[in-house]
């Protein structure tokens, strides 16, 4: 994330800021300009507040009385009488806004001429089981993942090193990107050579994974145990980590912590900048008595996979 400032007083503000703490100006984030704006003085002029501003604490700019670019992509949200779902809904929308900035900045598609844009079902598991996933352009998220105690309990049950709401959005959007940019294209053979044949029976491979666990020596070829389940999951894990890396390094560069090299390839960026920076983050966390902030190892085959995913994006590049 780059550093943002208040349009009225130039005070530093944050991506999710609703108002400036210094001058109290209402803040509206503009996706196209990647900057904070102040509301237009006229009620019928751009920029205005998103129609969901009060409902989910959305701070994105929108046309008057309309939903912003992010909120308009929510196809399903919790019922008005679902108190727990409504409490957790804003946390999911916040993560979705972060994801959409990632995709826009890096040049990954969210729309198309096929009538299947990226959309989201944000479902409450208070009344029914919810399976997080992607199908035909629809990403389904369980709002319960916004509850820290629930998410940590599931993380421990599944022996996962890392689990966040933003991580879910990034992973599931990876399935959308593979569906749009890899399957049925001239990149499919290259993808199969790296990730495996995505035509393998998905449910059968998932059942095998939960029955037998990951294969021996998986750490030498995969980013996570979850990535070993099926080529689809391997791609999505690699995609999520590409977004983790770019966003974290953009932030580090903005604060002068890890200057980004000019014209570096994806592999050079990972090896020469990301891995040293991630190691430093982990050591700082350990100094504070916390577990590693980035608890992953990136062997050569994993770096190749992330570099392939990076090659799918379109200009403008960093």
Protein backbone atom coordinates (compact mmCIF):
# COMPACT_ATOMS: atom_id res chain seq x y z
CA UNK A 1 0.00 0.00 0.00
CA UNK A 2 1.34 3.43 -0.87
CA UNK A 3 1.10 6.33 1.56
CA UNK A 4 -2.09 8.40 1.34
CA UNK A 5 -2.79 11.96 2.46
CA UNK A 6 -5.82 14.05 3.31
CA UNK A 7 -6.82 16.22 0.31
CA UNK A 8 -7.62 19.14 2.62
CA UNK A 9 -4.65 19.34 5.00
CA UNK A 10 -2.10 16.78 3.65
CA UNK A 11 -2.13 14.86 6.93
CA UNK A 12 -1.22 11.19 6.50
CA UNK A 13 -4.28 8.93 6.39
CA UNK A 14 -4.83 5.25 5.71
CA UNK A 15 -6.52 3.18 3.03
CA UNK A 16 -9.49 2.46 5.29
CA UNK A 17 -9.73 5.96 6.84
CA UNK A 18 -13.22 7.45 6.87
CA UNK A 19 -12.16 10.93 7.97
CA UNK A 20 -8.97 12.86 8.61
CA UNK A 21 -8.09 12.84 12.30
CA UNK A 22 -6.50 16.30 12.01
CA UNK A 23 -9.08 18.39 10.12
CA UNK A 24 -12.08 15.98 10.25
CA UNK A 25 -12.58 16.07 6.46
CA UNK A 26 -14.63 13.14 5.17
CA UNK A 27 -12.39 10.94 3.02
CA UNK A 28 -13.32 9.08 -0.16
CA UNK A 29 -10.92 6.68 -1.84
CA UNK A 30 -10.75 6.87 -5.64
CA UNK A 31 -9.68 3.55 -7.17
CA UNK A 32 -8.75 4.98 -10.57
CA UNK A 33 -6.53 7.68 -9.12
CA UNK A 34 -5.37 5.61 -6.13
CA UNK A 35 -5.83 8.66 -3.93
CA UNK A 36 -8.06 10.15 -1.26
CA UNK A 37 -10.66 12.74 -2.29
CA UNK A 38 -13.02 14.99 -0.39
CA UNK A 39 -16.75 14.84 -1.19
CA UNK A 40 -18.03 17.24 -3.81
CA UNK A 41 -19.88 20.23 -2.40
CA UNK A 42 -22.80 19.74 -4.78
CA UNK A 43 -25.11 16.84 -4.04
CA UNK A 44 -25.28 15.79 -7.68
CA UNK A 45 -21.56 15.81 -8.49
CA UNK A 46 -18.69 13.33 -8.29
CA UNK A 47 -17.27 12.30 -5.91
CA UNK A 48 -19.98 11.20 -3.51
CA UNK A 49 -20.22 8.67 -0.72
CA UNK A 50 -20.98 5.04 -1.52
CA UNK A 51 -24.58 4.07 -0.79
CA UNK A 52 -23.15 1.49 1.65
CA UNK A 53 -21.03 4.04 3.51
CA UNK A 54 -23.00 3.89 6.75
CA UNK A 55 -23.96 0.24 6.43
CA UNK A 56 -20.46 -1.28 6.04
CA UNK A 57 -18.15 1.67 6.75
CA UNK A 58 -17.26 1.89 3.06
CA UNK A 59 -15.00 4.85 2.26
CA UNK A 60 -14.89 4.49 -1.54
CA UNK A 61 -16.08 7.23 -3.84
CA UNK A 62 -19.19 6.66 -5.94
CA UNK A 63 -21.70 8.44 -8.09
CA UNK A 64 -24.45 10.04 -5.99
CA UNK A 65 -26.78 7.47 -4.37
CA UNK A 66 -24.90 4.58 -6.06
CA UNK A 67 -22.72 1.73 -4.89
CA UNK A 68 -18.98 2.03 -5.35
CA UNK A 69 -16.90 -0.24 -7.57
CA UNK A 70 -16.30 -2.64 -4.67
CA UNK A 71 -19.75 -2.78 -3.06
CA UNK A 72 -21.42 -3.22 -6.46
CA UNK A 73 -19.60 -6.54 -6.82
CA UNK A 74 -21.30 -8.04 -3.76
CA UNK A 75 -24.06 -10.24 -5.16
CA UNK A 76 -25.28 -11.64 -1.83
CA UNK A 77 -24.98 -10.21 1.67
CA UNK A 78 -26.45 -11.14 5.07
CA UNK A 79 -30.16 -10.76 5.78
CA UNK A 80 -31.31 -7.65 7.62
CA UNK A 81 -32.32 -9.71 10.67
CA UNK A 82 -28.99 -11.61 10.88
CA UNK A 83 -27.25 -9.62 13.62
CA UNK A 84 -24.05 -11.68 13.63
CA UNK A 85 -23.77 -11.65 9.86
CA UNK A 86 -24.30 -7.88 9.75
CA UNK A 87 -21.63 -7.42 12.43
CA UNK A 88 -19.05 -9.31 10.37
CA UNK A 89 -20.07 -8.04 6.93
CA UNK A 90 -18.05 -4.78 7.11
CA UNK A 91 -14.86 -6.77 7.82
CA UNK A 92 -15.34 -8.78 4.64
CA UNK A 93 -16.07 -5.66 2.60
CA UNK A 94 -12.90 -4.04 3.93
CA UNK A 95 -10.82 -7.03 2.79
CA UNK A 96 -12.59 -7.02 -0.59
CA UNK A 97 -11.73 -3.38 -1.15
CA UNK A 98 -8.09 -4.19 -0.44
CA UNK A 99 -8.20 -7.09 -2.91
CA UNK A 100 -9.76 -5.01 -5.68
CA UNK A 101 -7.06 -2.39 -5.32
CA UNK A 102 -4.48 -5.20 -5.61
CA UNK A 103 -6.04 -6.51 -8.81
CA UNK A 104 -6.44 -3.06 -10.35
CA UNK A 105 -2.90 -1.96 -9.53
CA UNK A 106 -1.27 -5.16 -10.78
CA UNK A 107 -3.31 -5.45 -13.96
CA UNK A 108 -5.47 -8.53 -13.35
CA UNK A 109 -8.98 -8.64 -14.86
CA UNK A 110 -12.18 -8.23 -12.88
CA UNK A 111 -14.50 -7.70 -15.86
CA UNK A 112 -14.88 -9.07 -19.34
CA UNK A 113 -17.02 -9.25 -22.43
CA UNK A 114 -18.26 -12.71 -21.46
CA UNK A 115 -20.79 -11.41 -18.93
CA UNK A 116 -18.96 -13.08 -16.03
CA UNK A 117 -17.26 -10.36 -13.99
CA UNK A 118 -15.73 -11.08 -10.60
CA UNK A 119 -18.51 -10.99 -8.00
CA UNK A 120 -18.93 -12.08 -4.41
CA UNK A 121 -21.38 -13.92 -2.20
CA UNK A 122 -20.67 -12.86 1.39
CA UNK A 123 -22.62 -15.44 3.34
CA UNK A 124 -23.36 -15.87 7.01
CA UNK A 125 -22.83 -19.35 8.46
CA UNK A 126 -25.10 -18.52 11.40
CA UNK A 127 -28.01 -20.26 9.68
CA UNK A 128 -26.35 -22.59 7.18
CA UNK A 129 -22.97 -24.09 6.42
CA UNK A 130 -20.87 -22.00 4.03
CA UNK A 131 -18.11 -23.37 1.82
CA UNK A 132 -15.49 -20.83 0.80
CA UNK A 133 -14.74 -21.18 -2.91
CA UNK A 134 -15.04 -19.95 -6.49
CA UNK A 135 -17.32 -21.03 -9.33
CA UNK A 136 -17.97 -19.29 -12.66
CA UNK A 137 -16.84 -15.86 -11.51
CA UNK A 138 -18.52 -15.98 -8.08
CA UNK A 139 -16.31 -16.01 -4.98
CA UNK A 140 -18.07 -17.25 -1.84
CA UNK A 141 -16.76 -16.09 1.54
CA UNK A 142 -17.88 -17.24 4.99
CA UNK A 143 -18.38 -14.10 7.07
CA UNK A 144 -17.49 -16.08 10.20
CA UNK A 145 -13.86 -15.80 9.07
CA UNK A 146 -14.02 -12.18 10.22
CA UNK A 147 -14.33 -13.39 13.83
CA UNK A 148 -10.81 -13.75 15.25
CA UNK A 149 -11.63 -16.60 17.63
CA UNK A 150 -13.40 -18.62 14.92
CA UNK A 151 -10.63 -18.09 12.40
CA UNK A 152 -7.88 -19.01 14.85
CA UNK A 153 -9.77 -22.15 15.91
CA UNK A 154 -10.07 -23.28 12.29
CA UNK A 155 -6.43 -22.41 11.63
CA UNK A 156 -5.35 -24.65 14.48
CA UNK A 157 -7.69 -27.48 13.46
CA UNK A 158 -6.26 -27.46 9.94
CA UNK A 159 -2.67 -26.91 11.12
CA UNK A 160 -2.36 -23.86 8.87
CA UNK A 161 0.50 -21.41 9.49
CA UNK A 162 -1.49 -18.45 8.20
CA UNK A 163 -5.19 -17.65 7.83
CA UNK A 164 -6.73 -14.20 7.31
CA UNK A 165 -9.84 -12.77 5.71
CA UNK A 166 -7.73 -10.92 3.13
CA UNK A 167 -5.86 -14.15 2.45
CA UNK A 168 -9.14 -15.88 1.60
CA UNK A 169 -10.08 -13.13 -0.85
CA UNK A 170 -6.69 -13.26 -2.51
CA UNK A 171 -6.68 -17.05 -2.78
CA UNK A 172 -10.20 -17.34 -4.19
CA UNK A 173 -9.61 -14.55 -6.70
CA UNK A 174 -6.67 -16.64 -7.91
CA UNK A 175 -9.14 -19.28 -9.06
CA UNK A 176 -10.98 -16.59 -11.02
CA UNK A 177 -7.77 -15.37 -12.66
CA UNK A 178 -6.71 -18.89 -13.65
CA UNK A 179 -10.16 -19.52 -15.09
CA UNK A 180 -10.00 -16.30 -17.11
CA UNK A 181 -6.34 -16.14 -18.16
CA UNK A 182 -5.03 -19.71 -18.24
CA UNK A 183 -7.69 -22.32 -18.90
CA UNK A 184 -8.48 -22.59 -22.59
CA UNK A 185 -5.56 -20.33 -23.58
CA UNK A 186 -2.09 -20.86 -25.03
CA UNK A 187 -0.66 -20.66 -21.49
CA UNK A 188 -2.31 -23.89 -20.33
CA UNK A 189 0.55 -26.24 -21.20
CA UNK A 190 3.03 -24.05 -19.37
CA UNK A 191 0.73 -23.98 -16.35
CA UNK A 192 0.33 -27.77 -16.37
CA UNK A 193 4.10 -28.22 -16.45
CA UNK A 194 4.39 -26.12 -13.28
CA UNK A 195 1.24 -26.91 -11.30
CA UNK A 196 0.05 -30.24 -12.71
CA UNK A 197 -2.95 -31.20 -14.81
CA UNK A 198 -6.01 -29.30 -13.61
CA UNK A 199 -8.23 -31.92 -15.27
CA UNK A 200 -7.52 -34.31 -12.38
CA UNK A 201 -10.70 -35.15 -10.46
CA UNK A 202 -11.01 -32.33 -7.95
CA UNK A 203 -13.15 -34.05 -5.32
CA UNK A 204 -11.10 -37.22 -5.60
CA UNK A 205 -7.88 -35.31 -4.99
CA UNK A 206 -9.38 -33.45 -2.04
CA UNK A 207 -10.56 -36.73 -0.50
CA UNK A 208 -7.10 -38.22 -1.02
CA UNK A 209 -5.47 -35.25 0.66
CA UNK A 210 -7.62 -35.45 3.77
CA UNK A 211 -7.20 -39.22 3.88
CA UNK A 212 -3.44 -39.42 3.29
CA UNK A 213 -2.10 -35.92 3.91
CA UNK A 214 0.45 -34.13 1.71
CA UNK A 215 3.08 -36.21 -0.11
CA UNK A 216 6.50 -36.77 1.44
CA UNK A 217 8.92 -33.97 0.67
CA UNK A 218 6.17 -31.56 -0.36
CA UNK A 219 8.07 -28.62 1.16
CA UNK A 220 10.58 -28.80 -1.72
CA UNK A 221 7.92 -28.18 -4.39
CA UNK A 222 4.90 -26.54 -2.81
CA UNK A 223 4.17 -23.35 -0.90
CA UNK A 224 1.83 -25.02 1.59
CA UNK A 225 0.32 -28.38 2.39
CA UNK A 226 -2.98 -27.03 1.06
CA UNK A 227 -1.35 -26.36 -2.31
CA UNK A 228 -0.61 -30.08 -2.71
CA UNK A 229 -4.30 -31.00 -2.88
CA UNK A 230 -4.91 -30.15 -6.53
CA UNK A 231 -3.30 -28.02 -9.27
CA UNK A 232 -6.12 -25.49 -8.86
CA UNK A 233 -5.15 -24.96 -5.22
CA UNK A 234 -1.46 -24.77 -6.07
CA UNK A 235 -2.15 -21.97 -8.54
CA UNK A 236 -4.45 -20.11 -6.14
CA UNK A 237 -1.90 -20.31 -3.32
CA UNK A 238 0.80 -18.96 -5.64
CA UNK A 239 -1.51 -16.17 -6.78
CA UNK A 240 -2.35 -15.15 -3.22
CA UNK A 241 1.33 -14.97 -2.33
CA UNK A 242 2.10 -12.87 -5.37
CA UNK A 243 -0.42 -10.33 -4.03
CA UNK A 244 1.00 -10.63 -0.50
CA UNK A 245 4.49 -9.92 -1.86
CA UNK A 246 3.63 -6.97 -4.10
CA UNK A 247 1.42 -5.26 -1.54
CA UNK A 248 3.87 -5.74 1.33
CA UNK A 249 6.83 -4.52 -0.70
CA UNK A 250 4.89 -1.52 -1.96
CA UNK A 251 4.24 -0.60 1.68
CA UNK A 252 7.84 -1.22 2.70
CA UNK A 253 9.07 0.92 -0.17
CA UNK A 254 6.67 3.74 0.71
CA UNK A 255 8.08 3.87 4.24
CA UNK A 256 11.71 3.54 3.15
CA UNK A 257 12.15 0.07 4.64
CA UNK A 258 12.90 -1.93 1.48
CA UNK A 259 13.37 0.15 -1.68
CA UNK A 260 11.94 -1.55 -4.75
CA UNK A 261 14.50 -2.25 -7.50
CA UNK A 262 13.78 -0.81 -10.93
CA UNK A 263 12.85 -3.22 -13.74
CA UNK A 264 13.40 -6.36 -11.63
CA UNK A 265 11.89 -9.62 -12.82
CA UNK A 266 9.47 -11.41 -10.52
CA UNK A 267 12.14 -13.94 -9.55
CA UNK A 268 14.68 -11.20 -8.85
CA UNK A 269 12.14 -9.30 -6.77
CA UNK A 270 11.38 -12.37 -4.66
CA UNK A 271 14.97 -13.52 -4.14
CA UNK A 272 16.72 -10.18 -3.77
CA UNK A 273 14.08 -8.08 -2.00
CA UNK A 274 11.16 -10.09 -0.65
CA UNK A 275 12.97 -12.95 1.07
CA UNK A 276 15.41 -10.69 2.97
CA UNK A 277 12.56 -8.39 3.96
CA UNK A 278 10.30 -11.27 5.05
CA UNK A 279 13.14 -12.67 7.16
CA UNK A 280 13.57 -9.29 8.83
CA UNK A 281 9.82 -9.09 9.54
CA UNK A 282 9.90 -12.52 11.13
CA UNK A 283 12.86 -11.66 13.34
CA UNK A 284 11.12 -8.46 14.49
CA UNK A 285 7.99 -10.45 15.33
CA UNK A 286 10.05 -12.98 17.29
CA UNK A 287 11.63 -10.08 19.17
CA UNK A 288 8.12 -9.15 20.30
CA UNK A 289 7.31 -12.70 21.33
CA UNK A 290 5.05 -13.35 18.34
CA UNK A 291 5.08 -16.12 15.74
CA UNK A 292 6.51 -15.45 12.30
CA UNK A 293 4.56 -12.86 10.32
CA UNK A 294 5.32 -14.68 7.05
CA UNK A 295 5.68 -18.37 8.02
CA UNK A 296 6.55 -19.73 4.58
CA UNK A 297 9.60 -20.99 2.74
CA UNK A 298 9.88 -20.34 -1.00
CA UNK A 299 12.00 -23.03 -2.69
CA UNK A 300 13.00 -22.68 -6.34
CA UNK A 301 9.96 -24.48 -7.84
CA UNK A 302 7.59 -22.26 -5.84
CA UNK A 303 9.37 -19.11 -7.01
CA UNK A 304 8.95 -20.35 -10.60
CA UNK A 305 5.22 -20.78 -10.00
CA UNK A 306 4.81 -17.30 -8.54
CA UNK A 307 6.80 -15.86 -11.45
CA UNK A 308 4.44 -17.57 -13.90
CA UNK A 309 1.44 -16.03 -12.17
CA UNK A 310 3.14 -12.63 -12.30
CA UNK A 311 3.62 -13.03 -16.06
CA UNK A 312 -0.16 -13.12 -16.55
CA UNK A 313 -0.75 -9.54 -15.53
CA UNK A 314 -1.00 -6.74 -18.02
CA UNK A 315 0.65 -3.26 -18.02
CA UNK A 316 1.01 -0.92 -16.34
CA UNK A 317 3.50 -2.84 -14.21
CA UNK A 318 5.40 -1.58 -11.15
